[in-house]
């Protein structure tokens, strides 16, 4: 009977190790799946707004200047910035 105990003990150790390895593998897959889920759910960045038309900007700037909101100096500075972007 002493001869049978060793194979049974060896089988228990091998089976236990295989169970543990399988369990860790399954946990790793679950973590990967969860990470992929969060990546898929991440909101996409909003597309960048197109640059405003320089002519429209100049018209708005002229309107503000005519209304008296901008001084002559402020108008010239902003106009120069817009023209340099063109």
PDB file of N, CA and C in Angstrom:
ATOM      1  N   UNK A   1       0.794  -1.178   0.000  1.00  0.00           N
ATOM      2  CA  UNK A   1       0.000   0.000   0.000  1.00  0.00           C
ATOM      3  C   UNK A   1       0.852   1.265   0.000  1.00  0.00           C
ATOM      4  N   UNK A   2       2.041   1.190   0.526  1.00  0.00           N
ATOM      5  CA  UNK A   2       2.918   2.347   0.518  1.00  0.00           C
ATOM      6  C   UNK A   2       3.282   2.747  -0.908  1.00  0.00           C
ATOM      7  N   UNK A   3       3.320   1.842  -1.800  1.00  0.00           N
ATOM      8  CA  UNK A   3       3.671   2.134  -3.186  1.00  0.00           C
ATOM      9  C   UNK A   3       2.608   2.953  -3.894  1.00  0.00           C
ATOM     10  N   UNK A   4       1.369   2.848  -3.486  1.00  0.00           N
ATOM     11  CA  UNK A   4       0.285   3.566  -4.167  1.00  0.00           C
ATOM     12  C   UNK A   4       0.178   5.017  -3.718  1.00  0.00           C
ATOM     13  N   UNK A   5       0.666   5.337  -2.570  1.00  0.00           N
ATOM     14  CA  UNK A   5       0.502   6.692  -2.057  1.00  0.00           C
ATOM     15  C   UNK A   5       1.294   7.720  -2.882  1.00  0.00           C
ATOM     16  N   UNK A   6       2.461   7.354  -3.290  1.00  0.00           N
ATOM     17  CA  UNK A   6       3.276   8.301  -4.045  1.00  0.00           C
ATOM     18  C   UNK A   6       2.632   8.695  -5.368  1.00  0.00           C
ATOM     19  N   UNK A   7       2.158   7.793  -6.162  1.00  0.00           N
ATOM     20  CA  UNK A   7       1.520   8.216  -7.416  1.00  0.00           C
ATOM     21  C   UNK A   7       0.277   9.075  -7.164  1.00  0.00           C
ATOM     22  N   UNK A   8      -0.476   8.762  -6.123  1.00  0.00           N
ATOM     23  CA  UNK A   8      -1.655   9.565  -5.826  1.00  0.00           C
ATOM     24  C   UNK A   8      -1.248  10.962  -5.369  1.00  0.00           C
ATOM     25  N   UNK A   9      -0.228  11.055  -4.553  1.00  0.00           N
ATOM     26  CA  UNK A   9       0.240  12.354  -4.084  1.00  0.00           C
ATOM     27  C   UNK A   9       0.788  13.170  -5.252  1.00  0.00           C
ATOM     28  N   UNK A  10       1.537  12.502  -6.136  1.00  0.00           N
ATOM     29  CA  UNK A  10       2.084  13.181  -7.307  1.00  0.00           C
ATOM     30  C   UNK A  10       0.955  13.692  -8.203  1.00  0.00           C
ATOM     31  N   UNK A  11      -0.070  12.898  -8.395  1.00  0.00           N
ATOM     32  CA  UNK A  11      -1.213  13.294  -9.213  1.00  0.00           C
ATOM     33  C   UNK A  11      -1.927  14.479  -8.582  1.00  0.00           C
ATOM     34  N   UNK A  12      -2.018  14.496  -7.262  1.00  0.00           N
ATOM     35  CA  UNK A  12      -2.679  15.608  -6.584  1.00  0.00           C
ATOM     36  C   UNK A  12      -1.875  16.893  -6.763  1.00  0.00           C
ATOM     37  N   UNK A  13      -0.559  16.790  -6.656  1.00  0.00           N
ATOM     38  CA  UNK A  13       0.289  17.971  -6.815  1.00  0.00           C
ATOM     39  C   UNK A  13       0.221  18.468  -8.252  1.00  0.00           C
ATOM     40  N   UNK A  14       0.325  17.580  -9.205  1.00  0.00           N
ATOM     41  CA  UNK A  14       0.274  17.983 -10.610  1.00  0.00           C
ATOM     42  C   UNK A  14      -1.097  18.561 -10.941  1.00  0.00           C
ATOM     43  N   UNK A  15      -2.140  17.939 -10.470  1.00  0.00           N
ATOM     44  CA  UNK A  15      -3.494  18.433 -10.719  1.00  0.00           C
ATOM     45  C   UNK A  15      -3.725  19.783 -10.083  1.00  0.00           C
ATOM     46  N   UNK A  16      -3.220  19.953  -8.868  1.00  0.00           N
ATOM     47  CA  UNK A  16      -3.372  21.234  -8.181  1.00  0.00           C
ATOM     48  C   UNK A  16      -2.614  22.343  -8.893  1.00  0.00           C
ATOM     49  N   UNK A  17      -1.413  22.033  -9.349  1.00  0.00           N
ATOM     50  CA  UNK A  17      -0.617  23.023 -10.074  1.00  0.00           C
ATOM     51  C   UNK A  17      -1.295  23.388 -11.393  1.00  0.00           C
ATOM     52  N   UNK A  18      -1.838  22.397 -12.079  1.00  0.00           N
ATOM     53  CA  UNK A  18      -2.529  22.665 -13.340  1.00  0.00           C
ATOM     54  C   UNK A  18      -3.778  23.512 -13.097  1.00  0.00           C
ATOM     55  N   UNK A  19      -4.498  23.227 -12.033  1.00  0.00           N
ATOM     56  CA  UNK A  19      -5.690  23.997 -11.701  1.00  0.00           C
ATOM     57  C   UNK A  19      -5.311  25.455 -11.438  1.00  0.00           C
ATOM     58  N   UNK A  20      -4.256  25.662 -10.647  1.00  0.00           N
ATOM     59  CA  UNK A  20      -3.820  27.008 -10.309  1.00  0.00           C
ATOM     60  C   UNK A  20      -3.371  27.757 -11.557  1.00  0.00           C
ATOM     61  N   UNK A  21      -2.613  27.093 -12.419  1.00  0.00           N
ATOM     62  CA  UNK A  21      -2.145  27.735 -13.648  1.00  0.00           C
ATOM     63  C   UNK A  21      -3.326  28.098 -14.544  1.00  0.00           C
ATOM     64  N   UNK A  22      -4.288  27.211 -14.650  1.00  0.00           N
ATOM     65  CA  UNK A  22      -5.472  27.488 -15.463  1.00  0.00           C
ATOM     66  C   UNK A  22      -6.277  28.651 -14.904  1.00  0.00           C
ATOM     67  N   UNK A  23      -6.367  28.698 -13.590  1.00  0.00           N
ATOM     68  CA  UNK A  23      -7.111  29.772 -12.939  1.00  0.00           C
ATOM     69  C   UNK A  23      -6.438  31.116 -13.204  1.00  0.00           C
ATOM     70  N   UNK A  24      -5.124  31.184 -13.079  1.00  0.00           N
ATOM     71  CA  UNK A  24      -4.385  32.418 -13.332  1.00  0.00           C
ATOM     72  C   UNK A  24      -4.505  32.833 -14.803  1.00  0.00           C
ATOM     73  N   UNK A  25      -4.484  31.860 -15.699  1.00  0.00           N
ATOM     74  CA  UNK A  25      -4.631  32.156 -17.126  1.00  0.00           C
ATOM     75  C   UNK A  25      -6.003  32.761 -17.407  1.00  0.00           C
ATOM     76  N   UNK A  26      -7.035  32.198 -16.801  1.00  0.00           N
ATOM     77  CA  UNK A  26      -8.392  32.698 -16.997  1.00  0.00           C
ATOM     78  C   UNK A  26      -8.536  34.108 -16.421  1.00  0.00           C
ATOM     79  N   UNK A  27      -7.909  34.381 -15.285  1.00  0.00           N
ATOM     80  CA  UNK A  27      -7.961  35.708 -14.696  1.00  0.00           C
ATOM     81  C   UNK A  27      -7.262  36.726 -15.602  1.00  0.00           C
ATOM     82  N   UNK A  28      -6.154  36.310 -16.200  1.00  0.00           N
ATOM     83  CA  UNK A  28      -5.433  37.187 -17.124  1.00  0.00           C
ATOM     84  C   UNK A  28      -6.266  37.515 -18.349  1.00  0.00           C
ATOM     85  N   UNK A  29      -6.970  36.521 -18.875  1.00  0.00           N
ATOM     86  CA  UNK A  29      -7.831  36.754 -20.034  1.00  0.00           C
ATOM     87  C   UNK A  29      -8.983  37.678 -19.669  1.00  0.00           C
ATOM     88  N   UNK A  30      -9.531  37.507 -18.482  1.00  0.00           N
ATOM     89  CA  UNK A  30     -10.638  38.357 -18.043  1.00  0.00           C
ATOM     90  C   UNK A  30     -10.167  39.802 -17.900  1.00  0.00           C
ATOM     91  N   UNK A  31      -8.960  39.990 -17.376  1.00  0.00           N
ATOM     92  CA  UNK A  31      -8.419  41.340 -17.224  1.00  0.00           C
ATOM     93  C   UNK A  31      -8.170  41.966 -18.593  1.00  0.00           C
ATOM     94  N   UNK A  32      -7.660  41.175 -19.549  1.00  0.00           N
ATOM     95  CA  UNK A  32      -7.439  41.686 -20.898  1.00  0.00           C
ATOM     96  C   UNK A  32      -8.758  42.080 -21.551  1.00  0.00           C
ATOM     97  N   UNK A  33      -9.781  41.260 -21.381  1.00  0.00           N
ATOM     98  CA  UNK A  33     -11.086  41.559 -21.968  1.00  0.00           C
ATOM     99  C   UNK A  33     -11.662  42.829 -21.358  1.00  0.00           C
ATOM    100  N   UNK A  34     -11.470  43.005 -20.059  1.00  0.00           N
ATOM    101  CA  UNK A  34     -11.974  44.207 -19.394  1.00  0.00           C
ATOM    102  C   UNK A  34     -11.234  45.443 -19.900  1.00  0.00           C
ATOM    103  N   UNK A  35      -9.929  45.321 -20.087  1.00  0.00           N
ATOM    104  CA  UNK A  35      -9.143  46.442 -20.586  1.00  0.00           C
ATOM    105  C   UNK A  35      -9.595  46.815 -22.001  1.00  0.00           C
ATOM    106  N   UNK A  36      -9.849  45.823 -22.838  1.00  0.00           N
ATOM    107  CA  UNK A  36     -10.319  46.085 -24.202  1.00  0.00           C
ATOM    108  C   UNK A  36     -11.683  46.771 -24.163  1.00  0.00           C
ATOM    109  N   UNK A  37     -12.525  46.371 -23.228  1.00  0.00           N
ATOM    110  CA  UNK A  37     -13.851  46.964 -23.120  1.00  0.00           C
ATOM    111  C   UNK A  37     -13.730  48.453 -22.816  1.00  0.00           C
ATOM    112  N   UNK A  38     -12.823  48.814 -21.896  1.00  0.00           N
ATOM    113  CA  UNK A  38     -12.645  50.216 -21.554  1.00  0.00           C
ATOM    114  C   UNK A  38     -12.052  50.993 -22.720  1.00  0.00           C
ATOM    115  N   UNK A  39     -11.175  50.359 -23.486  1.00  0.00           N
ATOM    116  CA  UNK A  39     -10.608  51.027 -24.644  1.00  0.00           C
ATOM    117  C   UNK A  39     -11.683  51.318 -25.677  1.00  0.00           C
ATOM    118  N   UNK A  40     -12.601  50.379 -25.863  1.00  0.00           N
ATOM    119  CA  UNK A  40     -13.662  50.553 -26.840  1.00  0.00           C
ATOM    120  C   UNK A  40     -14.661  51.603 -26.380  1.00  0.00           C
ATOM    121  N   UNK A  41     -14.885  51.724 -25.073  1.00  0.00           N
ATOM    122  CA  UNK A  41     -15.867  52.650 -24.550  1.00  0.00           C
ATOM    123  C   UNK A  41     -15.326  54.068 -24.416  1.00  0.00           C
ATOM    124  N   UNK A  42     -14.020  54.240 -24.555  1.00  0.00           N
ATOM    125  CA  UNK A  42     -13.436  55.568 -24.408  1.00  0.00           C
ATOM    126  C   UNK A  42     -14.021  56.482 -25.476  1.00  0.00           C
ATOM    127  N   UNK A  43     -14.484  57.646 -25.074  1.00  0.00           N
ATOM    128  CA  UNK A  43     -15.086  58.549 -26.058  1.00  0.00           C
ATOM    129  C   UNK A  43     -14.047  59.020 -27.061  1.00  0.00           C
ATOM    130  N   UNK A  44     -14.443  59.061 -28.290  1.00  0.00           N
ATOM    131  CA  UNK A  44     -13.544  59.523 -29.332  1.00  0.00           C
ATOM    132  C   UNK A  44     -13.367  61.029 -29.192  1.00  0.00           C
ATOM    133  N   UNK A  45     -12.189  61.484 -29.505  1.00  0.00           N
ATOM    134  CA  UNK A  45     -11.927  62.905 -29.408  1.00  0.00           C
ATOM    135  C   UNK A  45     -12.762  63.629 -30.456  1.00  0.00           C
ATOM    136  N   UNK A  46     -13.272  64.761 -30.070  1.00  0.00           N
ATOM    137  CA  UNK A  46     -14.077  65.551 -30.996  1.00  0.00           C
ATOM    138  C   UNK A  46     -13.182  66.050 -32.123  1.00  0.00           C
ATOM    139  N   UNK A  47     -13.682  66.019 -33.337  1.00  0.00           N
ATOM    140  CA  UNK A  47     -12.849  66.500 -34.441  1.00  0.00           C
ATOM    141  C   UNK A  47     -12.569  67.985 -34.270  1.00  0.00           C
ATOM    142  N   UNK A  48     -11.396  68.363 -34.662  1.00  0.00           N
ATOM    143  CA  UNK A  48     -11.002  69.764 -34.520  1.00  0.00           C
ATOM    144  C   UNK A  48     -11.881  70.628 -35.414  1.00  0.00           C
ATOM    145  N   UNK A  49     -12.266  71.765 -34.865  1.00  0.00           N
ATOM    146  CA  UNK A  49     -13.088  72.676 -35.643  1.00  0.00           C
ATOM    147  C   UNK A  49     -12.235  73.272 -36.757  1.00  0.00           C
ATOM    148  N   UNK A  50     -12.824  73.458 -37.924  1.00  0.00           N
ATOM    149  CA  UNK A  50     -12.042  74.055 -39.003  1.00  0.00           C
ATOM    150  C   UNK A  50     -11.659  75.490 -38.652  1.00  0.00           C
ATOM    151  N   UNK A  51     -10.538  75.920 -39.156  1.00  0.00           N
ATOM    152  CA  UNK A  51     -10.074  77.274 -38.871  1.00  0.00           C
ATOM    153  C   UNK A  51     -11.078  78.268 -39.451  1.00  0.00           C
ATOM    154  N   UNK A  52     -11.395  79.301 -38.690  1.00  0.00           N
ATOM    155  CA  UNK A  52     -12.353  80.290 -39.195  1.00  0.00           C
ATOM    156  C   UNK A  52     -11.785  81.006 -40.418  1.00  0.00           C
ATOM    157  N   UNK A  53     -12.664  81.404 -41.292  1.00  0.00           N
ATOM    158  CA  UNK A  53     -12.280  82.099 -42.513  1.00  0.00           C
ATOM    159  C   UNK A  53     -11.712  83.474 -42.156  1.00  0.00           C
ATOM    160  N   UNK A  54     -10.528  83.800 -42.642  1.00  0.00           N
ATOM    161  CA  UNK A  54      -9.928  85.102 -42.305  1.00  0.00           C
ATOM    162  C   UNK A  54     -10.784  86.291 -42.754  1.00  0.00           C
ATOM    163  N   UNK A  55     -11.471  86.131 -43.874  1.00  0.00           N
ATOM    164  CA  UNK A  55     -12.316  87.239 -44.350  1.00  0.00           C
ATOM    165  C   UNK A  55     -13.466  87.495 -43.380  1.00  0.00           C
ATOM    166  N   UNK A  56     -14.058  86.410 -42.870  1.00  0.00           N
ATOM    167  CA  UNK A  56     -15.143  86.552 -41.889  1.00  0.00           C
ATOM    168  C   UNK A  56     -14.625  87.205 -40.614  1.00  0.00           C
ATOM    169  N   UNK A  57     -13.420  86.791 -40.209  1.00  0.00           N
ATOM    170  CA  UNK A  57     -12.823  87.381 -39.013  1.00  0.00           C
ATOM    171  C   UNK A  57     -12.593  88.880 -39.193  1.00  0.00           C
ATOM    172  N   UNK A  58     -12.112  89.251 -40.361  1.00  0.00           N
ATOM    173  CA  UNK A  58     -11.875  90.674 -40.623  1.00  0.00           C
ATOM    174  C   UNK A  58     -13.180  91.460 -40.633  1.00  0.00           C
ATOM    175  N   UNK A  59     -14.238  90.858 -41.187  1.00  0.00           N
ATOM    176  CA  UNK A  59     -15.533  91.538 -41.196  1.00  0.00           C
ATOM    177  C   UNK A  59     -16.060  91.749 -39.773  1.00  0.00           C
ATOM    178  N   UNK A  60     -15.960  90.697 -38.952  1.00  0.00           N
ATOM    179  CA  UNK A  60     -16.413  90.822 -37.561  1.00  0.00           C
ATOM    180  C   UNK A  60     -15.582  91.852 -36.817  1.00  0.00           C
ATOM    181  N   UNK A  61     -14.277  91.841 -37.082  1.00  0.00           N
ATOM    182  CA  UNK A  61     -13.381  92.800 -36.447  1.00  0.00           C
ATOM    183  C   UNK A  61     -13.758  94.223 -36.848  1.00  0.00           C
ATOM    184  N   UNK A  62     -14.072  94.412 -38.144  1.00  0.00           N
ATOM    185  CA  UNK A  62     -14.483  95.734 -38.620  1.00  0.00           C
ATOM    186  C   UNK A  62     -15.780  96.183 -37.979  1.00  0.00           C
ATOM    187  N   UNK A  63     -16.716  95.252 -37.803  1.00  0.00           N
ATOM    188  CA  UNK A  63     -17.986  95.590 -37.149  1.00  0.00           C
ATOM    189  C   UNK A  63     -17.757  96.044 -35.702  1.00  0.00           C
ATOM    190  N   UNK A  64     -16.889  95.293 -34.998  1.00  0.00           N
ATOM    191  CA  UNK A  64     -16.584  95.664 -33.608  1.00  0.00           C
ATOM    192  C   UNK A  64     -15.922  97.039 -33.549  1.00  0.00           C
ATOM    193  N   UNK A  65     -15.058  97.313 -34.523  1.00  0.00           N
ATOM    194  CA  UNK A  65     -14.382  98.614 -34.556  1.00  0.00           C
ATOM    195  C   UNK A  65     -15.389  99.720 -34.843  1.00  0.00           C
ATOM    196  N   UNK A  66     -16.302  99.480 -35.771  1.00  0.00           N
ATOM    197  CA  UNK A  66     -17.319 100.490 -36.108  1.00  0.00           C
ATOM    198  C   UNK A  66     -18.276 100.743 -34.942  1.00  0.00           C
ATOM    199  N   UNK A  67     -18.532  99.714 -34.148  1.00  0.00           N
ATOM    200  CA  UNK A  67     -19.424  99.865 -33.005  1.00  0.00           C
ATOM    201  C   UNK A  67     -18.738 100.572 -31.829  1.00  0.00           C
ATOM    202  N   UNK A  68     -17.445 100.704 -31.918  1.00  0.00           N
ATOM    203  CA  UNK A  68     -16.708 101.378 -30.851  1.00  0.00           C
ATOM    204  C   UNK A  68     -16.221 100.426 -29.765  1.00  0.00           C
ATOM    205  N   UNK A  69     -16.365  99.128 -29.997  1.00  0.00           N
ATOM    206  CA  UNK A  69     -15.911  98.144 -29.005  1.00  0.00           C
ATOM    207  C   UNK A  69     -14.385  98.082 -28.990  1.00  0.00           C
ATOM    208  N   UNK A  70     -13.774  98.217 -30.179  1.00  0.00           N
ATOM    209  CA  UNK A  70     -12.315  98.174 -30.289  1.00  0.00           C
ATOM    210  C   UNK A  70     -11.780  99.564 -30.612  1.00  0.00           C
ATOM    211  N   UNK A  71     -10.648  99.887 -30.011  1.00  0.00           N
ATOM    212  CA  UNK A  71      -9.980 101.148 -30.345  1.00  0.00           C
ATOM    213  C   UNK A  71      -9.238 100.963 -31.665  1.00  0.00           C
ATOM    214  N   UNK A  72      -8.731 102.055 -32.203  1.00  0.00           N
ATOM    215  CA  UNK A  72      -7.983 101.969 -33.461  1.00  0.00           C
ATOM    216  C   UNK A  72      -6.751 101.083 -33.312  1.00  0.00           C
ATOM    217  N   UNK A  73      -6.057 101.217 -32.186  1.00  0.00           N
ATOM    218  CA  UNK A  73      -4.845 100.434 -31.951  1.00  0.00           C
ATOM    219  C   UNK A  73      -5.173  98.943 -31.831  1.00  0.00           C
ATOM    220  N   UNK A  74      -6.221  98.609 -31.081  1.00  0.00           N
ATOM    221  CA  UNK A  74      -6.624  97.205 -30.925  1.00  0.00           C
ATOM    222  C   UNK A  74      -7.050  96.616 -32.266  1.00  0.00           C
ATOM    223  N   UNK A  75      -7.759  97.410 -33.058  1.00  0.00           N
ATOM    224  CA  UNK A  75      -8.200  96.957 -34.376  1.00  0.00           C
ATOM    225  C   UNK A  75      -6.999  96.638 -35.265  1.00  0.00           C
ATOM    226  N   UNK A  76      -6.013  97.514 -35.273  1.00  0.00           N
ATOM    227  CA  UNK A  76      -4.828  97.305 -36.110  1.00  0.00           C
ATOM    228  C   UNK A  76      -4.041  96.065 -35.675  1.00  0.00           C
ATOM    229  N   UNK A  77      -3.916  95.867 -34.377  1.00  0.00           N
ATOM    230  CA  UNK A  77      -3.182  94.701 -33.860  1.00  0.00           C
ATOM    231  C   UNK A  77      -3.875  93.413 -34.279  1.00  0.00           C
ATOM    232  N   UNK A  78      -5.184  93.343 -34.092  1.00  0.00           N
ATOM    233  CA  UNK A  78      -5.918  92.128 -34.426  1.00  0.00           C
ATOM    234  C   UNK A  78      -5.940  91.901 -35.937  1.00  0.00           C
ATOM    235  N   UNK A  79      -6.078  92.990 -36.686  1.00  0.00           N
ATOM    236  CA  UNK A  79      -6.082  92.875 -38.143  1.00  0.00           C
ATOM    237  C   UNK A  79      -4.742  92.314 -38.629  1.00  0.00           C
ATOM    238  N   UNK A  80      -3.651  92.788 -38.047  1.00  0.00           N
ATOM    239  CA  UNK A  80      -2.316  92.312 -38.426  1.00  0.00           C
ATOM    240  C   UNK A  80      -2.171  90.826 -38.123  1.00  0.00           C
ATOM    241  N   UNK A  81      -2.673  90.381 -36.976  1.00  0.00           N
ATOM    242  CA  UNK A  81      -2.603  88.958 -36.603  1.00  0.00           C
ATOM    243  C   UNK A  81      -3.356  88.106 -37.615  1.00  0.00           C
ATOM    244  N   UNK A  82      -4.539  88.548 -37.986  1.00  0.00           N
ATOM    245  CA  UNK A  82      -5.364  87.780 -38.924  1.00  0.00           C
ATOM    246  C   UNK A  82      -4.688  87.725 -40.295  1.00  0.00           C
ATOM    247  N   UNK A  83      -4.144  88.842 -40.735  1.00  0.00           N
ATOM    248  CA  UNK A  83      -3.490  88.883 -42.048  1.00  0.00           C
ATOM    249  C   UNK A  83      -2.216  88.032 -42.079  1.00  0.00           C
ATOM    250  N   UNK A  84      -1.526  87.910 -40.950  1.00  0.00           N
ATOM    251  CA  UNK A  84      -0.316  87.089 -40.888  1.00  0.00           C
ATOM    252  C   UNK A  84      -0.661  85.601 -40.969  1.00  0.00           C
ATOM    253  N   UNK A  85      -1.861  85.224 -40.558  1.00  0.00           N
ATOM    254  CA  UNK A  85      -2.285  83.823 -40.605  1.00  0.00           C
ATOM    255  C   UNK A  85      -2.608  83.380 -42.031  1.00  0.00           C
ATOM    256  N   UNK A  86      -2.877  84.329 -42.905  1.00  0.00           N
ATOM    257  CA  UNK A  86      -3.258  83.992 -44.272  1.00  0.00           C
ATOM    258  C   UNK A  86      -2.096  83.481 -45.064  1.00  0.00           C
TER     259      UNK A  86
END
